[in-house]
Amino acid sequence: MVNEDADVVARVLAGDGEAFGILIRRYEPGLLRFATRMLGNPDAAADAVAESLVRAYRHLAQCRDPSRLRSWLYRITGNRCRSHLARRHMDDIPLSEAPPPALAEASDAWEILVRSEQVALVERALVRRSS
């Protein structure tokens, strides 16, 4: 899929308006799962992914290595999720909406970072509740 991503990116940059839809269909489901894990809320996750895809489309020419498009999209989505979390007030987040800690083993450094942020969010929520 690496070469396919680079080919699709080249088509988008050449003006093929339909080609970005290929990337959306390819990556949106995984991005939604990722964002839902980070935010703990499917609606907020859908918003973050939509914003991420718009950003990716607008800045596609800045993707230095189209063969690593997947990583680039996940990084954009992670940043959007962190922005959503930063905009929330911790006092306004019920513990039931805090993202659950991931149960599976981390497969890479990105997953470890995401999980540590989730744990920190839950810990902050618990501390505020007990105060």
Protein backbone atom coordinates (compact mmCIF):
# COMPACT_ATOMS: atom_id res chain seq x y z
CA MET A 1 0.00 0.00 0.00
CA VAL A 2 3.05 2.27 0.43
CA ASN A 3 3.50 2.79 -3.31
CA GLU A 4 -0.23 3.06 -3.74
CA ASP A 5 -0.35 5.90 -1.20
CA ALA A 6 2.42 7.77 -3.00
CA ASP A 7 0.60 7.31 -6.31
CA VAL A 8 -2.69 8.57 -4.88
CA VAL A 9 -0.97 11.56 -3.26
CA ALA A 10 0.62 12.39 -6.63
CA ARG A 11 -2.82 12.25 -8.26
CA VAL A 12 -4.31 14.57 -5.63
CA LEU A 13 -1.44 17.04 -6.01
CA ALA A 14 -1.88 16.91 -9.79
CA GLY A 15 -5.46 18.10 -9.37
CA ASP A 16 -7.44 14.85 -9.31
CA GLY A 17 -10.23 15.87 -6.92
CA GLU A 18 -11.57 12.34 -6.66
CA ALA A 19 -8.30 10.76 -5.54
CA PHE A 20 -8.41 12.05 -1.96
CA GLY A 21 -11.59 10.01 -1.48
CA ILE A 22 -9.48 6.89 -1.95
CA LEU A 23 -7.33 7.91 1.00
CA ILE A 24 -10.39 8.72 3.12
CA ARG A 25 -11.92 5.30 2.45
CA ARG A 26 -8.57 3.65 3.17
CA TYR A 27 -7.73 5.40 6.46
CA GLU A 28 -10.87 6.89 8.00
CA PRO A 29 -12.02 3.73 9.84
CA GLY A 30 -8.65 3.27 11.56
CA LEU A 31 -8.38 6.98 12.35
CA LEU A 32 -11.84 6.87 13.92
CA ARG A 33 -10.86 3.94 16.15
CA PHE A 34 -7.65 5.73 17.13
CA ALA A 35 -9.41 9.03 17.90
CA THR A 36 -12.17 7.27 19.85
CA ARG A 37 -9.55 5.59 22.03
CA MET A 38 -7.87 8.93 22.66
CA LEU A 39 -11.02 10.95 23.31
CA GLY A 40 -13.34 8.31 24.74
CA ASN A 41 -16.25 9.83 22.83
CA PRO A 42 -17.28 8.71 19.33
CA ASP A 43 -18.81 12.09 18.41
CA ALA A 44 -15.71 14.04 19.44
CA ALA A 45 -13.58 11.46 17.63
CA ALA A 46 -15.59 11.90 14.41
CA ASP A 47 -15.10 15.68 14.66
CA ALA A 48 -11.36 15.30 15.25
CA VAL A 49 -10.98 12.92 12.31
CA ALA A 50 -12.97 15.19 10.01
CA GLU A 51 -10.80 18.15 11.02
CA SER A 52 -7.69 16.02 10.52
CA LEU A 53 -8.68 14.96 7.03
CA VAL A 54 -9.42 18.55 6.03
CA ARG A 55 -6.00 19.60 7.35
CA ALA A 56 -4.33 16.72 5.57
CA TYR A 57 -5.96 17.68 2.28
CA ARG A 58 -5.00 21.35 2.67
CA HIS A 59 -1.40 20.53 3.57
CA LEU A 60 -0.83 17.42 1.47
CA ALA A 61 1.99 19.10 -0.42
CA GLN A 62 3.84 19.41 2.90
CA CYS A 63 3.87 15.63 3.41
CA ARG A 64 7.59 15.04 2.89
CA ASP A 65 7.34 11.29 2.35
CA PRO A 66 4.04 10.18 0.76
CA SER A 67 5.09 6.55 1.24
CA ARG A 68 4.67 7.22 5.00
CA LEU A 69 1.26 8.85 4.56
CA ARG A 70 -0.38 6.60 7.15
CA SER A 71 1.98 7.80 9.90
CA TRP A 72 1.50 11.41 8.82
CA LEU A 73 -2.31 11.09 8.99
CA TYR A 74 -2.17 9.46 12.43
CA ARG A 75 0.14 12.22 13.68
CA ILE A 76 -2.29 14.90 12.46
CA THR A 77 -5.20 13.06 14.07
CA GLY A 78 -3.32 12.66 17.35
CA ASN A 79 -2.60 16.38 17.38
CA ARG A 80 -6.26 17.21 16.71
CA CYS A 81 -7.31 14.89 19.55
CA ARG A 82 -4.87 16.56 21.92
CA SER A 83 -6.30 19.93 20.91
CA HIS A 84 -9.82 18.66 21.66
CA LEU A 85 -8.66 17.42 25.06
CA ALA A 86 -6.91 20.69 25.85
CA ARG A 87 -10.08 22.65 25.08
CA ARG A 88 -12.09 20.60 27.55
CA HIS A 89 -12.12 21.79 31.12
CA MET A 90 -11.10 18.98 33.41
CA ASP A 91 -13.90 19.84 35.83
CA ASP A 92 -16.42 19.36 33.04
CA ILE A 93 -15.34 15.81 32.15
CA PRO A 94 -17.26 13.13 33.99
CA LEU A 95 -15.11 10.17 34.90
CA SER A 96 -17.39 8.00 32.77
CA GLU A 97 -16.23 9.96 29.69
CA ALA A 98 -12.50 9.71 30.42
CA PRO A 99 -10.74 7.55 27.85
CA PRO A 100 -10.27 3.99 29.03
CA PRO A 101 -6.72 2.72 29.35
CA ALA A 102 -5.75 0.48 26.47
CA LEU A 103 -5.62 -3.21 27.29
CA ALA A 104 -3.41 -4.59 24.54
CA GLU A 105 0.37 -4.46 24.49
CA ALA A 106 1.81 -1.33 22.88
CA SER A 107 3.23 -2.09 19.45
CA ASP A 108 5.23 1.08 18.97
CA ALA A 109 6.33 4.30 20.61
CA TRP A 110 3.28 6.20 19.33
CA GLU A 111 0.89 3.79 21.06
CA ILE A 112 2.90 4.05 24.28
CA LEU A 113 2.61 7.85 24.14
CA VAL A 114 -1.13 7.71 23.49
CA ARG A 115 -1.68 5.28 26.34
CA SER A 116 0.38 7.32 28.79
CA GLU A 117 -1.67 10.42 27.90
CA GLN A 118 -4.87 8.47 28.49
CA VAL A 119 -3.68 7.27 31.89
CA ALA A 120 -2.61 10.81 32.85
CA LEU A 121 -6.04 12.14 31.89
CA VAL A 122 -7.81 9.56 34.03
CA GLU A 123 -5.45 10.21 36.96
CA ARG A 124 -6.09 13.98 36.76
CA ALA A 125 -9.84 13.36 36.67
CA LEU A 126 -9.61 11.12 39.74
CA VAL A 127 -7.54 13.67 41.66
CA ARG A 128 -10.02 16.45 40.88
CA ARG A 129 -12.94 14.26 41.93
CA SER A 130 -11.33 13.44 45.27
CA SER A 131 -10.49 17.09 46.05
